[in-house]
Amino acid sequence: MQRLAAILLLFLFVLPAHAQRIEPMRLAVDAHPLVFETAKGKKSLEVEIADTDPERMRGLMYRTDLPENRAMLFVFNETQPVMMWMKNTPLPLDMVFLTKDGSVATIRENTEPFSEAIISSIVPVAFVVELRAGTAKRLGLAIGEHVRHPAICGQCGE
């Protein structure tokens, strides 16, 4: 009888929880690096590009790892105020909001994992870069500096 109860519990609780595990989205690393131009000099990072609605909606949700030398670039179809959140995102992140020419407009550092609080660009932007928390500070990134990549400014990233 105890064995039957254990099997029943397995089927009722353990297996459904395992079946509902959502796999994180992992986009291919783009052939061109994302280049940050700061007062400290240029720094290149590998980049995954989220340029479709489903990719932008999913972003880094469910990811438990993001290499220190990697970023995710969100490409929007028009310049507009952008609102992000950290729902289902277990990693603290830095978010860098960019104008259409790649200028840094807003920086939000060390965002809270799993938070549903809105993280706003404040001003209209065309791109958002998500980085591992602490990366913006490590790079010395400041408002007005530039981020280069062909997705942002054509051939300027080469």
Protein backbone atom coordinates (compact mmCIF):
# COMPACT_ATOMS: atom_id res chain seq x y z
CA MET A 1 0.00 0.00 0.00
CA GLN A 2 2.85 2.40 0.84
CA ARG A 3 4.48 1.58 -2.46
CA LEU A 4 1.27 2.42 -4.33
CA ALA A 5 1.00 5.71 -2.45
CA ALA A 6 4.61 6.58 -3.32
CA ILE A 7 4.03 5.84 -7.00
CA LEU A 8 0.83 7.90 -6.95
CA LEU A 9 2.68 10.84 -5.38
CA LEU A 10 5.36 10.55 -8.03
CA PHE A 11 2.81 10.78 -10.84
CA LEU A 12 0.79 13.55 -9.19
CA PHE A 13 3.54 15.92 -8.12
CA VAL A 14 7.08 15.12 -9.22
CA LEU A 15 6.57 14.27 -12.88
CA PRO A 16 4.23 17.21 -13.67
CA ALA A 17 6.69 19.63 -12.06
CA HIS A 18 9.52 18.17 -14.13
CA ALA A 19 7.42 18.29 -17.31
CA GLN A 20 6.71 22.00 -16.78
CA ARG A 21 10.39 22.95 -16.69
CA ILE A 22 10.90 25.60 -19.33
CA GLU A 23 14.15 25.54 -21.25
CA PRO A 24 15.94 28.87 -21.66
CA MET A 25 16.35 30.42 -25.09
CA ARG A 26 19.91 30.32 -26.38
CA LEU A 27 20.51 32.33 -29.53
CA ALA A 28 23.52 31.87 -31.76
CA VAL A 29 26.47 34.15 -31.07
CA ASP A 30 26.63 36.72 -33.86
CA ALA A 31 29.70 36.78 -36.12
CA HIS A 32 30.29 40.46 -35.25
CA PRO A 33 31.15 41.49 -31.68
CA LEU A 34 29.33 44.22 -29.80
CA VAL A 35 31.86 47.03 -29.30
CA PHE A 36 31.62 49.41 -26.34
CA GLU A 37 33.47 52.70 -26.89
CA THR A 38 34.15 54.27 -23.49
CA ALA A 39 36.61 56.67 -21.87
CA LYS A 40 38.55 53.52 -20.88
CA GLY A 41 38.84 52.49 -24.54
CA LYS A 42 37.10 49.90 -26.70
CA LYS A 43 35.87 46.60 -25.35
CA SER A 44 34.30 43.86 -27.49
CA LEU A 45 31.82 41.27 -26.26
CA GLU A 46 30.18 38.30 -27.94
CA VAL A 47 26.52 39.03 -28.62
CA GLU A 48 23.27 37.16 -29.07
CA ILE A 49 20.72 39.20 -31.03
CA ALA A 50 17.02 39.20 -30.15
CA ASP A 51 15.32 40.86 -33.11
CA THR A 52 11.93 39.14 -33.37
CA ASP A 53 8.94 39.61 -31.06
CA PRO A 54 9.23 36.11 -29.55
CA GLU A 55 12.99 36.56 -28.98
CA ARG A 56 12.53 40.00 -27.41
CA MET A 57 9.74 38.70 -25.18
CA ARG A 58 11.81 35.73 -23.97
CA GLY A 59 15.26 37.34 -23.73
CA LEU A 60 17.34 35.88 -20.92
CA MET A 61 14.37 34.39 -19.05
CA TYR A 62 15.19 31.08 -17.37
CA ARG A 63 18.92 31.44 -18.10
CA THR A 64 21.11 30.56 -15.15
CA ASP A 65 24.33 31.48 -16.92
CA LEU A 66 25.62 34.33 -19.03
CA PRO A 67 29.35 34.36 -19.76
CA GLU A 68 31.20 37.48 -18.63
CA ASN A 69 32.17 38.21 -22.25
CA ARG A 70 28.61 37.90 -23.62
CA ALA A 71 25.65 40.26 -24.07
CA MET A 72 22.17 40.08 -25.52
CA LEU A 73 21.16 42.89 -27.90
CA PHE A 74 17.44 43.60 -28.24
CA VAL A 75 16.66 45.25 -31.57
CA PHE A 76 13.35 47.14 -31.78
CA ASN A 77 11.66 48.10 -35.04
CA GLU A 78 11.16 51.72 -34.04
CA THR A 79 12.45 54.25 -31.55
CA GLN A 80 10.15 54.34 -28.54
CA PRO A 81 10.18 54.31 -24.75
CA VAL A 82 11.01 50.71 -23.81
CA MET A 83 9.96 48.91 -20.65
CA MET A 84 11.68 45.72 -19.53
CA TRP A 85 11.31 43.46 -16.51
CA MET A 86 13.09 40.57 -14.84
CA LYS A 87 10.20 38.11 -14.61
CA ASN A 88 11.52 34.52 -14.78
CA THR A 89 15.10 35.82 -15.01
CA PRO A 90 17.29 34.30 -12.28
CA LEU A 91 20.42 36.34 -13.09
CA PRO A 92 20.95 39.94 -11.96
CA LEU A 93 21.65 42.02 -15.06
CA ASP A 94 22.79 45.44 -16.20
CA MET A 95 20.51 46.95 -18.85
CA VAL A 96 21.88 49.55 -21.24
CA PHE A 97 19.32 51.47 -23.32
CA LEU A 98 20.61 52.85 -26.64
CA THR A 99 19.34 55.47 -29.07
CA LYS A 100 19.09 54.67 -32.78
CA ASP A 101 22.74 55.70 -33.35
CA GLY A 102 24.02 53.50 -30.49
CA SER A 103 24.46 56.27 -27.91
CA VAL A 104 23.92 55.18 -24.31
CA ALA A 105 20.74 56.88 -23.08
CA THR A 106 20.03 55.05 -19.81
CA ILE A 107 21.86 52.49 -17.67
CA ARG A 108 20.11 50.31 -15.09
CA GLU A 109 22.64 48.35 -13.05
CA ASN A 110 22.23 45.17 -11.03
CA THR A 111 18.54 44.55 -11.71
CA GLU A 112 16.68 42.32 -9.27
CA PRO A 113 16.19 38.70 -10.38
CA PHE A 114 12.57 37.55 -10.84
CA SER A 115 11.22 41.08 -10.25
CA GLU A 116 8.12 42.18 -12.13
CA ALA A 117 8.94 45.84 -11.52
CA ILE A 118 9.15 47.86 -14.73
CA ILE A 119 12.63 48.94 -15.81
CA SER A 120 12.13 51.93 -18.11
CA SER A 121 14.38 53.50 -20.70
CA ILE A 122 12.88 56.86 -19.65
CA VAL A 123 13.55 58.25 -23.14
CA PRO A 124 12.80 56.77 -26.59
CA VAL A 125 15.38 54.14 -27.59
CA ALA A 126 15.89 51.62 -30.39
CA PHE A 127 18.06 49.01 -28.62
CA VAL A 128 18.63 47.44 -25.22
CA VAL A 129 21.77 45.54 -24.23
CA GLU A 130 21.58 43.08 -21.35
CA LEU A 131 24.85 42.27 -19.59
CA ARG A 132 25.90 40.29 -16.57
CA ALA A 133 25.47 42.47 -13.46
CA GLY A 134 28.58 44.56 -12.83
CA THR A 135 29.68 44.64 -16.47
CA ALA A 136 28.57 48.24 -17.13
CA LYS A 137 30.68 49.41 -14.20
CA ARG A 138 33.62 47.19 -15.18
CA LEU A 139 33.55 48.66 -18.70
CA GLY A 140 33.27 52.20 -17.33
CA LEU A 141 30.13 52.73 -19.40
CA ALA A 142 28.54 56.18 -19.12
CA ILE A 143 25.61 58.07 -20.64
CA GLY A 144 26.49 59.44 -24.10
CA GLU A 145 29.11 56.83 -24.93
CA HIS A 146 28.59 54.52 -27.90
CA VAL A 147 27.94 50.88 -28.62
CA ARG A 148 28.74 49.64 -32.14
CA HIS A 149 27.46 46.65 -34.09
CA PRO A 150 26.16 46.23 -37.67
CA ALA A 151 22.62 45.70 -36.27
CA ILE A 152 22.86 49.18 -34.72
CA CYS A 153 24.67 51.23 -37.32
CA GLY A 154 25.32 49.22 -40.45
CA GLN A 155 29.03 48.73 -41.06
CA CYS A 156 30.23 50.90 -38.15
CA GLY A 157 30.82 47.81 -35.96
CA GLU A 158 33.45 46.34 -38.28
